[in-house]
Protein backbone atom coordinates (compact mmCIF):
# COMPACT_ATOMS: atom_id res chain seq x y z
CA MET A 1 0.00 0.00 0.00
CA PHE A 2 2.76 2.45 0.99
CA SER A 3 4.85 1.73 -2.12
CA LYS A 4 1.80 2.21 -4.35
CA THR A 5 1.10 5.58 -2.69
CA VAL A 6 4.71 6.69 -3.17
CA GLU A 7 4.64 5.54 -6.79
CA THR A 8 1.43 7.47 -7.50
CA LEU A 9 2.72 10.55 -5.70
CA SER A 10 6.00 10.46 -7.64
CA VAL A 11 4.08 10.53 -10.93
CA TRP A 12 1.89 13.49 -9.94
CA ILE A 13 4.19 15.68 -7.81
CA ILE A 14 5.73 17.73 -10.65
CA PRO A 15 2.45 18.40 -12.49
CA LEU A 16 0.85 19.37 -9.18
CA MET A 17 3.67 21.79 -8.39
CA ILE A 18 3.45 23.31 -11.87
CA ALA A 19 -0.26 23.91 -11.32
CA LEU A 20 -0.21 24.91 -7.64
CA ILE A 21 2.65 27.44 -7.66
CA PRO A 22 0.97 29.83 -10.12
CA LEU A 23 -2.37 29.36 -8.34
CA TRP A 24 -0.73 30.23 -5.02
CA ALA A 25 0.88 33.28 -6.63
CA LEU A 26 -2.53 34.39 -7.93
CA TYR A 27 -4.00 33.90 -4.48
CA LYS A 28 -1.21 36.04 -2.97
CA ARG A 29 -1.72 38.61 -5.78
CA VAL A 30 1.84 38.30 -7.03
CA PRO A 31 2.34 39.75 -10.54
CA ILE A 32 3.32 36.40 -12.04
CA TYR A 33 4.59 37.47 -15.45
CA ASP A 34 6.60 40.45 -14.15
CA THR A 35 8.09 38.33 -11.38
CA PHE A 36 8.99 35.61 -13.88
CA ILE A 37 10.70 38.10 -16.22
CA LYS A 38 12.64 39.66 -13.34
CA GLY A 39 13.83 36.21 -12.21
CA ALA A 40 14.78 35.25 -15.76
CA LYS A 41 16.88 38.42 -16.12
CA GLU A 42 18.67 37.66 -12.86
CA GLY A 43 19.22 34.06 -13.99
CA VAL A 44 20.86 35.18 -17.22
CA GLY A 45 23.14 37.50 -15.26
CA VAL A 46 24.17 34.70 -12.91
CA GLY A 47 24.72 32.39 -15.88
CA LEU A 48 27.03 34.90 -17.54
CA ARG A 49 28.98 35.43 -14.31
CA ILE A 50 29.60 31.70 -13.75
CA ILE A 51 30.65 30.79 -17.31
CA PRO A 52 34.39 31.44 -16.77
CA TYR A 53 34.40 29.35 -13.58
CA LEU A 54 32.42 26.61 -15.27
CA VAL A 55 34.82 26.47 -18.22
CA ALA A 56 37.82 26.34 -15.87
CA ILE A 57 36.46 23.48 -13.78
CA LEU A 58 35.41 21.47 -16.85
CA ILE A 59 38.86 21.86 -18.41
CA ALA A 60 40.52 20.80 -15.15
CA ILE A 61 38.31 17.70 -14.96
CA GLY A 62 39.09 16.79 -18.57
CA MET A 63 42.82 17.15 -17.96
CA PHE A 64 42.63 15.08 -14.77
CA ARG A 65 40.84 12.22 -16.51
CA ALA A 66 42.94 12.35 -19.68
CA SER A 67 46.24 12.42 -17.80
CA GLY A 68 45.70 8.97 -16.33
CA ALA A 69 46.15 10.32 -12.80
CA ILE A 70 42.97 8.58 -11.66
CA ASP A 71 44.20 5.20 -12.85
CA LEU A 72 47.58 5.72 -11.18
CA LEU A 73 45.92 6.71 -7.93
CA ALA A 74 43.67 3.65 -8.11
CA GLU A 75 46.71 1.42 -8.48
CA VAL A 76 48.43 3.00 -5.49
CA LEU A 77 45.34 2.90 -3.27
CA ASP A 78 44.19 -0.61 -4.19
CA PRO A 79 45.66 -2.27 -1.04
CA VAL A 80 43.98 0.26 1.25
CA LEU A 81 40.68 0.07 -0.62
CA SER A 82 40.58 -3.71 -0.39
CA LEU A 83 40.83 -3.42 3.42
CA ILE A 84 37.52 -1.53 3.57
CA GLY A 85 35.91 -3.61 0.81
CA MET A 86 35.82 -0.85 -1.77
CA PRO A 87 36.25 -2.10 -5.34
CA VAL A 88 39.03 -0.20 -7.08
CA ASP A 89 36.76 0.32 -10.10
CA VAL A 90 34.56 2.78 -8.17
CA LEU A 91 37.50 4.91 -6.97
CA PRO A 92 37.38 7.11 -10.10
CA LEU A 93 33.74 7.81 -9.26
CA ALA A 94 34.62 8.78 -5.68
CA ILE A 95 37.30 11.14 -7.00
CA ILE A 96 35.31 12.72 -9.84
CA ARG A 97 31.99 13.15 -7.98
CA PRO A 98 33.17 16.17 -5.93
CA LEU A 99 34.35 17.76 -9.18
CA SER A 100 31.58 17.06 -11.67
CA GLY A 101 28.09 15.61 -11.61
CA SER A 102 28.12 14.85 -15.33
CA GLY A 103 31.58 13.29 -15.07
CA ALA A 104 30.35 11.12 -12.20
CA LEU A 105 27.29 10.14 -14.20
CA GLY A 106 29.55 9.14 -17.09
CA ILE A 107 31.65 6.94 -14.81
CA THR A 108 28.51 5.44 -13.28
CA SER A 109 27.24 4.66 -16.79
CA GLU A 110 30.56 3.06 -17.71
CA ILE A 111 30.41 0.87 -14.60
CA ALA A 112 26.81 -0.14 -15.36
CA SER A 113 27.75 -0.96 -18.96
CA GLN A 114 30.80 -2.95 -17.92
CA TYR A 115 29.24 -4.93 -15.05
CA GLY A 116 25.53 -4.84 -15.92
CA GLY A 117 22.86 -2.53 -14.57
CA ASP A 118 21.73 -4.89 -11.81
CA SER A 119 25.22 -5.79 -10.62
CA TYR A 120 26.57 -4.91 -7.20
CA MET A 121 29.12 -2.59 -8.83
CA ALA A 122 26.45 -0.64 -10.73
CA ARG A 123 24.24 -0.35 -7.67
CA LEU A 124 27.18 0.73 -5.51
CA ALA A 125 28.09 3.35 -8.10
CA ALA A 126 24.50 4.59 -8.17
CA VAL A 127 24.35 4.85 -4.38
CA MET A 128 27.69 6.66 -4.30
CA THR A 129 26.55 9.10 -6.99
CA GLY A 130 23.33 9.86 -5.18
CA SER A 131 24.95 10.15 -1.76
CA SER A 132 27.52 12.83 -2.43
CA GLU A 133 27.72 16.35 -3.77
CA THR A 134 29.78 18.17 -6.40
CA THR A 135 31.60 20.11 -3.70
CA LEU A 136 34.54 21.46 -5.68
CA TYR A 137 32.29 22.36 -8.59
CA VAL A 138 29.92 24.27 -6.30
CA ILE A 139 32.77 26.10 -4.61
CA ALA A 140 34.49 26.97 -7.88
CA VAL A 141 31.40 28.08 -9.75
CA TYR A 142 29.05 29.55 -7.20
CA PHE A 143 31.54 30.96 -4.72
CA GLY A 144 33.47 32.41 -7.64
CA ALA A 145 30.34 33.96 -9.12
CA VAL A 146 29.54 35.86 -5.93
CA GLY A 147 33.14 36.77 -5.17
CA VAL A 148 33.77 34.58 -2.11
CA THR A 149 37.54 34.10 -1.87
CA LYS A 150 38.00 32.47 1.55
CA VAL A 151 36.60 28.97 1.15
CA ARG A 152 38.79 27.16 3.67
CA HIS A 153 36.08 25.95 6.06
CA ALA A 154 33.50 25.34 3.34
CA LEU A 155 36.02 23.29 1.37
CA ALA A 156 37.07 21.20 4.36
CA ALA A 157 33.48 20.62 5.46
CA GLY A 158 32.40 19.72 1.94
CA LEU A 159 35.24 17.26 1.35
CA ILE A 160 34.72 15.62 4.75
CA ALA A 161 31.01 15.28 3.92
CA ASP A 162 31.92 13.72 0.55
CA LEU A 163 34.24 11.23 2.24
CA ALA A 164 31.55 10.39 4.81
CA ALA A 165 28.98 9.98 2.03
CA THR A 166 31.28 7.67 0.07
CA LEU A 167 32.02 5.51 3.11
CA ALA A 168 28.35 5.44 4.10
CA ALA A 169 27.35 4.47 0.56
CA LEU A 170 29.93 1.68 0.63
CA PHE A 171 28.79 0.43 4.04
CA ILE A 172 25.08 0.61 3.23
CA SER A 173 25.61 -1.06 -0.15
CA GLN A 174 27.56 -3.87 1.49
CA MET A 175 24.81 -4.35 4.05
CA MET A 176 21.89 -4.14 1.60
CA LEU A 177 23.24 -5.49 -1.68
CA LEU A 178 25.74 -8.23 -0.86
């Protein structure tokens, strides 16, 4: 019963939001069109401000992957990873995820293609992808766009959270999927 309710709700939540938000705005007498145009103008401005930071982070990610540094790091860390039960094939995902969501999705897709979509490896990769954030990307793009230059505590907190998310994803996947 509960799963059927969740399934039905998941199908209708977006259409309901699309209908209810404008109705709520009408109820509150918000000038919907003018507010939308103002928000769109601000969005374009933000988009233009973050483009240089976005280009820089995407180039850095491409260079990191193309250089083979991830593969070298995986080789070096393999003994440590095997102690905690982490397959070396998901290490590139754990490294790329804080940098790029699309890069992480690409690695997750590669793992699913290589091992099969229902395999432990693919499910572990999916849990890892969904459990962590693109910390370095967010700091580079959004902090850069608003001019924040001192990111020391945000960076440390974000990377610690990413490590915790990766370890939690590994532990939960081992408990639930093996």
